[in-house]
Amino acid sequence: MQSELPGEKKKERNNPRTAEGSSPPTHYFPHLLNEKKRKKYEKKTRETTGTKNRRENILKNNKTKERANRERWREEEEEEEEEEEEEETGGGKLQIPKRLEKTGGCQID
């Protein structure tokens, strides 16, 4: 038995995957029909997005830490270079530790 007549066109099926702006029917997601399973599914999806966000945040923090460390290293290197230049040129006065300044100098017994 033929349900279609030869002159009629075949009825187009509404394919939810290709239709724009429409959500797929629930028979594609039977696990969402049961309330317990739906909550579990939502919880799982929330956790995975949370871990993804945490990973991204950790990477961002690591990048900012690296940047801060690089800046600190640059400053330390510049200070060392300035100290070396002062030593080479003999610039500045002789630095005496503060505890020796208080006693009046080095005491030898």
PDB file of N, CA and C in Angstrom:
ATOM      1  N   MET A   1       0.826  -1.179   0.000  1.00  0.00           N
ATOM      2  CA  MET A   1       0.000   0.000   0.000  1.00  0.00           C
ATOM      3  C   MET A   1       0.867   1.237   0.000  1.00  0.00           C
ATOM      4  N   GLN A   2       0.466   2.143  -0.854  1.00  0.00           N
ATOM      5  CA  GLN A   2       1.229   3.381  -0.967  1.00  0.00           C
ATOM      6  C   GLN A   2       0.424   4.500  -0.326  1.00  0.00           C
ATOM      7  N   SER A   3       1.052   5.176   0.679  1.00  0.00           N
ATOM      8  CA  SER A   3       0.332   6.218   1.393  1.00  0.00           C
ATOM      9  C   SER A   3       0.341   7.524   0.614  1.00  0.00           C
ATOM     10  N   GLU A   4       1.325   7.702  -0.220  1.00  0.00           N
ATOM     11  CA  GLU A   4       1.418   8.945  -0.982  1.00  0.00           C
ATOM     12  C   GLU A   4       0.792   8.767  -2.359  1.00  0.00           C
ATOM     13  N   LEU A   5       0.145   9.781  -2.805  1.00  0.00           N
ATOM     14  CA  LEU A   5      -0.358   9.769  -4.166  1.00  0.00           C
ATOM     15  C   LEU A   5       0.749  10.265  -5.076  1.00  0.00           C
ATOM     16  N   PRO A   6       0.799   9.813  -6.303  1.00  0.00           N
ATOM     17  CA  PRO A   6       1.897  10.205  -7.183  1.00  0.00           C
ATOM     18  C   PRO A   6       1.970  11.698  -7.450  1.00  0.00           C
ATOM     19  N   GLY A   7       0.884  12.419  -7.379  1.00  0.00           N
ATOM     20  CA  GLY A   7       0.890  13.844  -7.674  1.00  0.00           C
ATOM     21  C   GLY A   7       1.290  14.716  -6.486  1.00  0.00           C
ATOM     22  N   GLU A   8       1.258  14.194  -5.265  1.00  0.00           N
ATOM     23  CA  GLU A   8       1.557  14.998  -4.081  1.00  0.00           C
ATOM     24  C   GLU A   8       3.054  15.018  -3.801  1.00  0.00           C
ATOM     25  N   LYS A   9       3.485  16.135  -3.300  1.00  0.00           N
ATOM     26  CA  LYS A   9       4.895  16.223  -2.910  1.00  0.00           C
ATOM     27  C   LYS A   9       5.046  15.657  -1.505  1.00  0.00           C
ATOM     28  N   LYS A  10       6.230  15.186  -1.242  1.00  0.00           N
ATOM     29  CA  LYS A  10       6.514  14.663   0.081  1.00  0.00           C
ATOM     30  C   LYS A  10       6.574  15.832   1.065  1.00  0.00           C
ATOM     31  N   LYS A  11       5.957  15.664   2.223  1.00  0.00           N
ATOM     32  CA  LYS A  11       5.948  16.721   3.229  1.00  0.00           C
ATOM     33  C   LYS A  11       7.357  16.849   3.827  1.00  0.00           C
ATOM     34  N   GLU A  12       7.852  18.089   3.893  1.00  0.00           N
ATOM     35  CA  GLU A  12       9.190  18.306   4.447  1.00  0.00           C
ATOM     36  C   GLU A  12       9.143  18.147   5.955  1.00  0.00           C
ATOM     37  N   ARG A  13      10.134  17.431   6.459  1.00  0.00           N
ATOM     38  CA  ARG A  13      10.211  17.244   7.906  1.00  0.00           C
ATOM     39  C   ARG A  13      10.897  18.452   8.531  1.00  0.00           C
ATOM     40  N   ASN A  14      10.427  18.803   9.673  1.00  0.00           N
ATOM     41  CA  ASN A  14      11.039  19.907  10.406  1.00  0.00           C
ATOM     42  C   ASN A  14      12.228  19.339  11.178  1.00  0.00           C
ATOM     43  N   ASN A  15      13.409  19.630  10.696  1.00  0.00           N
ATOM     44  CA  ASN A  15      14.613  19.124  11.349  1.00  0.00           C
ATOM     45  C   ASN A  15      15.083  20.151  12.379  1.00  0.00           C
ATOM     46  N   PRO A  16      15.018  19.824  13.665  1.00  0.00           N
ATOM     47  CA  PRO A  16      15.379  20.806  14.698  1.00  0.00           C
ATOM     48  C   PRO A  16      16.854  21.190  14.668  1.00  0.00           C
ATOM     49  N   ARG A  17      17.683  20.325  14.143  1.00  0.00           N
ATOM     50  CA  ARG A  17      19.114  20.640  14.110  1.00  0.00           C
ATOM     51  C   ARG A  17      19.435  21.716  13.080  1.00  0.00           C
ATOM     52  N   THR A  18      18.655  21.758  12.016  1.00  0.00           N
ATOM     53  CA  THR A  18      18.926  22.746  10.974  1.00  0.00           C
ATOM     54  C   THR A  18      18.069  23.995  11.138  1.00  0.00           C
ATOM     55  N   ALA A  19      16.960  23.877  11.867  1.00  0.00           N
ATOM     56  CA  ALA A  19      16.076  25.031  12.037  1.00  0.00           C
ATOM     57  C   ALA A  19      16.768  26.077  12.902  1.00  0.00           C
ATOM     58  N   GLU A  20      16.657  27.312  12.494  1.00  0.00           N
ATOM     59  CA  GLU A  20      17.317  28.386  13.234  1.00  0.00           C
ATOM     60  C   GLU A  20      16.430  28.869  14.373  1.00  0.00           C
ATOM     61  N   GLY A  21      17.044  29.084  15.521  1.00  0.00           N
ATOM     62  CA  GLY A  21      16.336  29.659  16.651  1.00  0.00           C
ATOM     63  C   GLY A  21      15.384  28.716  17.355  1.00  0.00           C
ATOM     64  N   SER A  22      15.345  27.453  16.967  1.00  0.00           N
ATOM     65  CA  SER A  22      14.446  26.532  17.651  1.00  0.00           C
ATOM     66  C   SER A  22      15.269  25.540  18.459  1.00  0.00           C
ATOM     67  N   SER A  23      14.751  25.186  19.611  1.00  0.00           N
ATOM     68  CA  SER A  23      15.458  24.215  20.438  1.00  0.00           C
ATOM     69  C   SER A  23      15.018  22.815  20.035  1.00  0.00           C
ATOM     70  N   PRO A  24      15.904  21.857  20.158  1.00  0.00           N
ATOM     71  CA  PRO A  24      15.544  20.499  19.760  1.00  0.00           C
ATOM     72  C   PRO A  24      14.487  19.923  20.707  1.00  0.00           C
ATOM     73  N   PRO A  25      13.645  19.056  20.203  1.00  0.00           N
ATOM     74  CA  PRO A  25      12.619  18.467  21.057  1.00  0.00           C
ATOM     75  C   PRO A  25      13.248  17.578  22.133  1.00  0.00           C
ATOM     76  N   THR A  26      12.458  17.281  23.154  1.00  0.00           N
ATOM     77  CA  THR A  26      13.006  16.546  24.299  1.00  0.00           C
ATOM     78  C   THR A  26      13.354  15.106  23.966  1.00  0.00           C
ATOM     79  N   HIS A  27      12.814  14.549  22.899  1.00  0.00           N
ATOM     80  CA  HIS A  27      13.151  13.155  22.618  1.00  0.00           C
ATOM     81  C   HIS A  27      14.620  13.000  22.212  1.00  0.00           C
ATOM     82  N   TYR A  28      15.292  14.105  21.911  1.00  0.00           N
ATOM     83  CA  TYR A  28      16.732  14.030  21.670  1.00  0.00           C
ATOM     84  C   TYR A  28      17.495  13.925  22.988  1.00  0.00           C
ATOM     85  N   PHE A  29      16.874  14.407  24.068  1.00  0.00           N
ATOM     86  CA  PHE A  29      17.518  14.403  25.378  1.00  0.00           C
ATOM     87  C   PHE A  29      16.605  13.727  26.396  1.00  0.00           C
ATOM     88  N   PRO A  30      16.464  12.407  26.324  1.00  0.00           N
ATOM     89  CA  PRO A  30      15.537  11.739  27.243  1.00  0.00           C
ATOM     90  C   PRO A  30      15.969  11.868  28.699  1.00  0.00           C
ATOM     91  N   HIS A  31      17.264  12.050  28.942  1.00  0.00           N
ATOM     92  CA  HIS A  31      17.743  12.148  30.321  1.00  0.00           C
ATOM     93  C   HIS A  31      17.297  13.448  30.980  1.00  0.00           C
ATOM     94  N   LEU A  32      16.828  14.408  30.182  1.00  0.00           N
ATOM     95  CA  LEU A  32      16.371  15.664  30.767  1.00  0.00           C
ATOM     96  C   LEU A  32      14.904  15.606  31.199  1.00  0.00           C
ATOM     97  N   LEU A  33      14.210  14.538  30.812  1.00  0.00           N
ATOM     98  CA  LEU A  33      12.809  14.435  31.179  1.00  0.00           C
ATOM     99  C   LEU A  33      12.662  14.125  32.666  1.00  0.00           C
ATOM    100  N   ASN A  34      13.522  13.259  33.173  1.00  0.00           N
ATOM    101  CA  ASN A  34      13.478  12.912  34.584  1.00  0.00           C
ATOM    102  C   ASN A  34      14.115  14.046  35.381  1.00  0.00           C
ATOM    103  N   GLU A  35      13.422  14.522  36.401  1.00  0.00           N
ATOM    104  CA  GLU A  35      13.885  15.705  37.137  1.00  0.00           C
ATOM    105  C   GLU A  35      15.221  15.463  37.834  1.00  0.00           C
ATOM    106  N   LYS A  36      15.367  14.284  38.462  1.00  0.00           N
ATOM    107  CA  LYS A  36      16.623  13.983  39.147  1.00  0.00           C
ATOM    108  C   LYS A  36      17.787  13.993  38.164  1.00  0.00           C
ATOM    109  N   LYS A  37      17.582  13.313  37.046  1.00  0.00           N
ATOM    110  CA  LYS A  37      18.646  13.226  36.046  1.00  0.00           C
ATOM    111  C   LYS A  37      18.954  14.601  35.463  1.00  0.00           C
ATOM    112  N   ARG A  38      17.914  15.420  35.287  1.00  0.00           N
ATOM    113  CA  ARG A  38      18.127  16.752  34.730  1.00  0.00           C
ATOM    114  C   ARG A  38      18.995  17.585  35.666  1.00  0.00           C
ATOM    115  N   LYS A  39      18.684  17.512  36.976  1.00  0.00           N
ATOM    116  CA  LYS A  39      19.479  18.267  37.940  1.00  0.00           C
ATOM    117  C   LYS A  39      20.927  17.799  37.936  1.00  0.00           C
ATOM    118  N   LYS A  40      21.109  16.479  37.866  1.00  0.00           N
ATOM    119  CA  LYS A  40      22.464  15.921  37.839  1.00  0.00           C
ATOM    120  C   LYS A  40      23.204  16.394  36.586  1.00  0.00           C
ATOM    121  N   TYR A  41      22.498  16.364  35.456  1.00  0.00           N
ATOM    122  CA  TYR A  41      23.092  16.798  34.196  1.00  0.00           C
ATOM    123  C   TYR A  41      23.488  18.271  34.269  1.00  0.00           C
ATOM    124  N   GLU A  42      22.585  19.110  34.809  1.00  0.00           N
ATOM    125  CA  GLU A  42      22.887  20.540  34.926  1.00  0.00           C
ATOM    126  C   GLU A  42      24.067  20.770  35.850  1.00  0.00           C
ATOM    127  N   LYS A  43      24.112  19.984  36.935  1.00  0.00           N
ATOM    128  CA  LYS A  43      25.213  20.125  37.884  1.00  0.00           C
ATOM    129  C   LYS A  43      26.539  19.777  37.205  1.00  0.00           C
ATOM    130  N   LYS A  44      26.530  18.685  36.430  1.00  0.00           N
ATOM    131  CA  LYS A  44      27.755  18.277  35.729  1.00  0.00           C
ATOM    132  C   LYS A  44      28.212  19.353  34.761  1.00  0.00           C
ATOM    133  N   THR A  45      27.274  19.874  33.986  1.00  0.00           N
ATOM    134  CA  THR A  45      27.665  20.881  33.001  1.00  0.00           C
ATOM    135  C   THR A  45      28.166  22.131  33.692  1.00  0.00           C
ATOM    136  N   ARG A  46      27.556  22.486  34.817  1.00  0.00           N
ATOM    137  CA  ARG A  46      28.006  23.657  35.560  1.00  0.00           C
ATOM    138  C   ARG A  46      29.427  23.445  36.078  1.00  0.00           C
ATOM    139  N   GLU A  47      29.697  22.229  36.575  1.00  0.00           N
ATOM    140  CA  GLU A  47      31.031  21.940  37.104  1.00  0.00           C
ATOM    141  C   GLU A  47      32.087  22.040  36.016  1.00  0.00           C
ATOM    142  N   THR A  48      31.780  21.504  34.853  1.00  0.00           N
ATOM    143  CA  THR A  48      32.790  21.529  33.794  1.00  0.00           C
ATOM    144  C   THR A  48      33.078  22.953  33.349  1.00  0.00           C
ATOM    145  N   THR A  49      32.043  23.778  33.262  1.00  0.00           N
ATOM    146  CA  THR A  49      32.305  25.168  32.870  1.00  0.00           C
ATOM    147  C   THR A  49      33.066  25.874  33.976  1.00  0.00           C
ATOM    148  N   GLY A  50      32.777  25.514  35.225  1.00  0.00           N
ATOM    149  CA  GLY A  50      33.488  26.121  36.347  1.00  0.00           C
ATOM    150  C   GLY A  50      34.962  25.785  36.322  1.00  0.00           C
ATOM    151  N   THR A  51      35.289  24.517  36.031  1.00  0.00           N
ATOM    152  CA  THR A  51      36.702  24.144  35.989  1.00  0.00           C
ATOM    153  C   THR A  51      37.388  24.830  34.821  1.00  0.00           C
ATOM    154  N   LYS A  52      36.661  24.981  33.729  1.00  0.00           N
ATOM    155  CA  LYS A  52      37.247  25.679  32.580  1.00  0.00           C
ATOM    156  C   LYS A  52      37.565  27.123  32.961  1.00  0.00           C
ATOM    157  N   ASN A  53      36.607  27.775  33.634  1.00  0.00           N
ATOM    158  CA  ASN A  53      36.832  29.156  34.059  1.00  0.00           C
ATOM    159  C   ASN A  53      37.973  29.239  35.057  1.00  0.00           C
ATOM    160  N   ARG A  54      38.043  28.254  35.969  1.00  0.00           N
ATOM    161  CA  ARG A  54      39.135  28.255  36.944  1.00  0.00           C
ATOM    162  C   ARG A  54      40.476  28.136  36.242  1.00  0.00           C
ATOM    163  N   ARG A  55      40.540  27.243  35.248  1.00  0.00           N
ATOM    164  CA  ARG A  55      41.795  27.081  34.498  1.00  0.00           C
ATOM    165  C   ARG A  55      42.189  28.387  33.822  1.00  0.00           C
ATOM    166  N   GLU A  56      41.198  29.035  33.206  1.00  0.00           N
ATOM    167  CA  GLU A  56      41.488  30.310  32.537  1.00  0.00           C
ATOM    168  C   GLU A  56      41.982  31.345  33.534  1.00  0.00           C
ATOM    169  N   ASN A  57      41.337  31.402  34.706  1.00  0.00           N
ATOM    170  CA  ASN A  57      41.755  32.361  35.728  1.00  0.00           C
ATOM    171  C   ASN A  57      43.157  32.059  36.222  1.00  0.00           C
ATOM    172  N   ILE A  58      43.472  30.775  36.395  1.00  0.00           N
ATOM    173  CA  ILE A  58      44.818  30.404  36.845  1.00  0.00           C
ATOM    174  C   ILE A  58      45.841  30.839  35.813  1.00  0.00           C
ATOM    175  N   LEU A  59      45.534  30.604  34.543  1.00  0.00           N
ATOM    176  CA  LEU A  59      46.468  31.010  33.489  1.00  0.00           C
ATOM    177  C   LEU A  59      46.653  32.522  33.476  1.00  0.00           C
ATOM    178  N   LYS A  60      45.553  33.269  33.645  1.00  0.00           N
ATOM    179  CA  LYS A  60      45.659  34.731  33.686  1.00  0.00           C
ATOM    180  C   LYS A  60      46.525  35.170  34.854  1.00  0.00           C
ATOM    181  N   ASN A  61      46.286  34.547  36.032  1.00  0.00           N
ATOM    182  CA  ASN A  61      47.073  34.898  37.214  1.00  0.00           C
ATOM    183  C   ASN A  61      48.543  34.589  36.998  1.00  0.00           C
ATOM    184  N   ASN A  62      48.818  33.442  36.380  1.00  0.00           N
ATOM    185  CA  ASN A  62      50.213  33.086  36.118  1.00  0.00           C
ATOM    186  C   ASN A  62      50.870  34.104  35.196  1.00  0.00           C
ATOM    187  N   LYS A  63      50.126  34.550  34.192  1.00  0.00           N
ATOM    188  CA  LYS A  63      50.686  35.536  33.267  1.00  0.00           C
ATOM    189  C   LYS A  63      50.985  36.844  33.984  1.00  0.00           C
ATOM    190  N   THR A  64      50.068  37.272  34.853  1.00  0.00           N
ATOM    191  CA  THR A  64      50.309  38.528  35.570  1.00  0.00           C
ATOM    192  C   THR A  64      51.464  38.377  36.545  1.00  0.00           C
ATOM    193  N   LYS A  65      51.580  37.207  37.180  1.00  0.00           N
ATOM    194  CA  LYS A  65      52.703  36.971  38.093  1.00  0.00           C
ATOM    195  C   LYS A  65      54.023  37.001  37.331  1.00  0.00           C
ATOM    196  N   GLU A  66      54.036  36.340  36.164  1.00  0.00           N
ATOM    197  CA  GLU A  66      55.256  36.334  35.351  1.00  0.00           C
ATOM    198  C   GLU A  66      55.633  37.755  34.949  1.00  0.00           C
ATOM    199  N   ARG A  67      54.648  38.536  34.551  1.00  0.00           N
ATOM    200  CA  ARG A  67      54.907  39.908  34.137  1.00  0.00           C
ATOM    201  C   ARG A  67      55.486  40.707  35.309  1.00  0.00           C
ATOM    202  N   ALA A  68      54.903  40.536  36.496  1.00  0.00           N
ATOM    203  CA  ALA A  68      55.389  41.251  37.681  1.00  0.00           C
ATOM    204  C   ALA A  68      56.815  40.814  38.019  1.00  0.00           C
ATOM    205  N   ASN A  69      57.076  39.518  37.915  1.00  0.00           N
ATOM    206  CA  ASN A  69      58.427  39.018  38.192  1.00  0.00           C
ATOM    207  C   ASN A  69      59.432  39.591  37.203  1.00  0.00           C
ATOM    208  N   ARG A  70      59.056  39.633  35.927  1.00  0.00           N
ATOM    209  CA  ARG A  70      59.971  40.184  34.915  1.00  0.00           C
ATOM    210  C   ARG A  70      60.300  41.639  35.221  1.00  0.00           C
ATOM    211  N   GLU A  71      59.280  42.416  35.602  1.00  0.00           N
ATOM    212  CA  GLU A  71      59.513  43.826  35.937  1.00  0.00           C
ATOM    213  C   GLU A  71      60.437  43.944  37.140  1.00  0.00           C
ATOM    214  N   ARG A  72      60.212  43.100  38.149  1.00  0.00           N
ATOM    215  CA  ARG A  72      61.048  43.144  39.348  1.00  0.00           C
ATOM    216  C   ARG A  72      62.498  42.781  39.001  1.00  0.00           C
ATOM    217  N   TRP A  73      62.664  41.750  38.151  1.00  0.00           N
ATOM    218  CA  TRP A  73      64.020  41.349  37.747  1.00  0.00           C
ATOM    219  C   TRP A  73      64.717  42.474  36.992  1.00  0.00           C
ATOM    220  N   ARG A  74      63.962  43.150  36.112  1.00  0.00           N
ATOM    221  CA  ARG A  74      64.552  44.271  35.368  1.00  0.00           C
ATOM    222  C   ARG A  74      65.041  45.346  36.328  1.00  0.00           C
ATOM    223  N   GLU A  75      64.194  45.674  37.310  1.00  0.00           N
ATOM    224  CA  GLU A  75      64.579  46.702  38.283  1.00  0.00           C
ATOM    225  C   GLU A  75      65.819  46.282  39.061  1.00  0.00           C
ATOM    226  N   GLU A  76      65.877  45.016  39.473  1.00  0.00           N
ATOM    227  CA  GLU A  76      67.039  44.524  40.217  1.00  0.00           C
ATOM    228  C   GLU A  76      68.298  44.595  39.359  1.00  0.00           C
ATOM    229  N   GLU A  77      68.167  44.205  38.084  1.00  0.00           N
ATOM    230  CA  GLU A  77      69.325  44.255  37.186  1.00  0.00           C
ATOM    231  C   GLU A  77      69.801  45.695  37.002  1.00  0.00           C
ATOM    232  N   GLU A  78      68.860  46.622  36.850  1.00  0.00           N
ATOM    233  CA  GLU A  78      69.236  48.028  36.692  1.00  0.00           C
ATOM    234  C   GLU A  78      69.958  48.533  37.937  1.00  0.00           C
ATOM    235  N   GLU A  79      69.463  48.157  39.121  1.00  0.00           N
ATOM    236  CA  GLU A  79      70.116  48.571  40.364  1.00  0.00           C
ATOM    237  C   GLU A  79      71.529  48.002  40.453  1.00  0.00           C
ATOM    238  N   GLU A  80      71.680  46.730  40.072  1.00  0.00           N
ATOM    239  CA  GLU A  80      73.007  46.104  40.102  1.00  0.00           C
ATOM    240  C   GLU A  80      73.957  46.814  39.143  1.00  0.00           C
ATOM    241  N   GLU A  81      73.458  47.144  37.953  1.00  0.00           N
ATOM    242  CA  GLU A  81      74.298  47.838  36.975  1.00  0.00           C
ATOM    243  C   GLU A  81      74.723  49.206  37.509  1.00  0.00           C
ATOM    244  N   GLU A  82      73.796  49.919  38.150  1.00  0.00           N
ATOM    245  CA  GLU A  82      74.129  51.229  38.718  1.00  0.00           C
ATOM    246  C   GLU A  82      75.186  51.087  39.808  1.00  0.00           C
ATOM    247  N   GLU A  83      75.049  50.058  40.652  1.00  0.00           N
ATOM    248  CA  GLU A  83      76.032  49.834  41.710  1.00  0.00           C
ATOM    249  C   GLU A  83      77.405  49.524  41.122  1.00  0.00           C
ATOM    250  N   GLU A  84      77.420  48.701  40.066  1.00  0.00           N
ATOM    251  CA  GLU A  84      78.693  48.361  39.427  1.00  0.00           C
ATOM    252  C   GLU A  84      79.342  49.607  38.830  1.00  0.00           C
ATOM    253  N   GLU A  85      78.544  50.468  38.206  1.00  0.00           N
ATOM    254  CA  GLU A  85      79.086  51.698  37.625  1.00  0.00           C
ATOM    255  C   GLU A  85      79.665  52.595  38.715  1.00  0.00           C
ATOM    256  N   GLU A  86      78.971  52.680  39.852  1.00  0.00           N
ATOM    257  CA  GLU A  86      79.472  53.493  40.960  1.00  0.00           C
ATOM    258  C   GLU A  86      80.788  52.935  41.485  1.00  0.00           C
ATOM    259  N   GLU A  87      80.881  51.610  41.577  1.00  0.00           N
ATOM    260  CA  GLU A  87      82.108  50.984  42.070  1.00  0.00           C
ATOM    261  C   GLU A  87      83.263  51.242  41.101  1.00  0.00           C
ATOM    262  N   GLU A  88      82.966  51.142  39.799  1.00  0.00           N
ATOM    263  CA  GLU A  88      84.011  51.347  38.797  1.00  0.00           C
ATOM    264  C   GLU A  88      84.500  52.792  38.799  1.00  0.00           C
ATOM    265  N   THR A  89      83.579  53.727  38.935  1.00  0.00           N
ATOM    266  CA  THR A  89      83.958  55.140  38.900  1.00  0.00           C
ATOM    267  C   THR A  89      84.405  55.638  40.267  1.00  0.00           C
ATOM    268  N   GLY A  90      84.156  54.827  41.300  1.00  0.00           N
ATOM    269  CA  GLY A  90      84.539  55.251  42.641  1.00  0.00           C
ATOM    270  C   GLY A  90      83.615  56.324  43.162  1.00  0.00           C
ATOM    271  N   GLY A  91      82.418  56.363  42.663  1.00  0.00           N
ATOM    272  CA  GLY A  91      81.471  57.403  43.051  1.00  0.00           C
ATOM    273  C   GLY A  91      80.902  57.165  44.436  1.00  0.00           C
ATOM    274  N   GLY A  92      80.522  58.250  45.049  1.00  0.00           N
ATOM    275  CA  GLY A  92      79.896  58.164  46.361  1.00  0.00           C
ATOM    276  C   GLY A  92      80.915  58.053  47.475  1.00  0.00           C
ATOM    277  N   LYS A  93      80.475  58.319  48.702  1.00  0.00           N
ATOM    278  CA  LYS A  93      81.395  58.219  49.825  1.00  0.00           C
ATOM    279  C   LYS A  93      81.395  56.790  50.350  1.00  0.00           C
ATOM    280  N   LEU A  94      82.372  56.495  51.131  1.00  0.00           N
ATOM    281  CA  LEU A  94      82.495  55.173  51.708  1.00  0.00           C
ATOM    282  C   LEU A  94      81.341  54.964  52.687  1.00  0.00           C
ATOM    283  N   GLN A  95      80.671  53.854  52.524  1.00  0.00           N
ATOM    284  CA  GLN A  95      79.522  53.612  53.385  1.00  0.00           C
ATOM    285  C   GLN A  95      79.955  52.839  54.624  1.00  0.00           C
ATOM    286  N   ILE A  96      79.619  53.404  55.782  1.00  0.00           N
ATOM    287  CA  ILE A  96      79.945  52.778  57.051  1.00  0.00           C
ATOM    288  C   ILE A  96      78.647  52.262  57.650  1.00  0.00           C
ATOM    289  N   PRO A  97      78.644  51.030  58.110  1.00  0.00           N
ATOM    290  CA  PRO A  97      77.425  50.507  58.724  1.00  0.00           C
ATOM    291  C   PRO A  97      76.994  51.370  59.897  1.00  0.00           C
ATOM    292  N   LYS A  98      75.686  51.478  60.108  1.00  0.00           N
ATOM    293  CA  LYS A  98      75.139  52.374  61.128  1.00  0.00           C
ATOM    294  C   LYS A  98      75.576  51.986  62.533  1.00  0.00           C
ATOM    295  N   ARG A  99      75.728  50.706  62.798  1.00  0.00           N
ATOM    296  CA  ARG A  99      76.116  50.302  64.151  1.00  0.00           C
ATOM    297  C   ARG A  99      77.534  50.765  64.473  1.00  0.00           C
ATOM    298  N   LEU A 100      78.376  50.862  63.426  1.00  0.00           N
ATOM    299  CA  LEU A 100      79.739  51.337  63.659  1.00  0.00           C
ATOM    300  C   LEU A 100      79.760  52.848  63.838  1.00  0.00           C
ATOM    301  N   GLU A 101      78.824  53.550  63.167  1.00  0.00           N
ATOM    302  CA  GLU A 101      78.764  55.005  63.325  1.00  0.00           C
ATOM    303  C   GLU A 101      78.421  55.377  64.763  1.00  0.00           C
ATOM    304  N   LYS A 102      77.567  54.596  65.391  1.00  0.00           N
ATOM    305  CA  LYS A 102      77.137  54.888  66.758  1.00  0.00           C
ATOM    306  C   LYS A 102      78.289  54.702  67.750  1.00  0.00           C
ATOM    307  N   THR A 103      79.095  53.663  67.537  1.00  0.00           N
ATOM    308  CA  THR A 103      80.185  53.383  68.484  1.00  0.00           C
ATOM    309  C   THR A 103      81.391  54.270  68.223  1.00  0.00           C
ATOM    310  N   GLY A 104      81.433  54.876  67.067  1.00  0.00           N
ATOM    311  CA  GLY A 104      82.547  55.759  66.768  1.00  0.00           C
ATOM    312  C   GLY A 104      83.634  55.083  65.971  1.00  0.00           C
ATOM    313  N   GLY A 105      83.345  53.958  65.404  1.00  0.00           N
ATOM    314  CA  GLY A 105      84.335  53.293  64.568  1.00  0.00           C
ATOM    315  C   GLY A 105      84.560  51.870  65.018  1.00  0.00           C
ATOM    316  N   CYS A 106      85.519  51.270  64.405  1.00  0.00           N
ATOM    317  CA  CYS A 106      85.828  49.875  64.683  1.00  0.00           C
ATOM    318  C   CYS A 106      86.795  49.821  65.868  1.00  0.00           C
ATOM    319  N   GLN A 107      86.491  48.996  66.819  1.00  0.00           N
ATOM    320  CA  GLN A 107      87.377  48.869  67.972  1.00  0.00           C
ATOM    321  C   GLN A 107      88.099  47.536  67.906  1.00  0.00           C
ATOM    322  N   ILE A 108      89.402  47.614  67.966  1.00  0.00           N
ATOM    323  CA  ILE A 108      90.201  46.398  67.928  1.00  0.00           C
ATOM    324  C   ILE A 108      90.792  46.185  69.310  1.00  0.00           C
ATOM    325  N   ASP A 109      90.644  45.005  69.841  1.00  0.00           N
ATOM    326  CA  ASP A 109      91.201  44.692  71.162  1.00  0.00           C
ATOM    327  C   ASP A 109      92.554  44.048  71.032  1.00  0.00           C
TER     328      ASP A 109
END
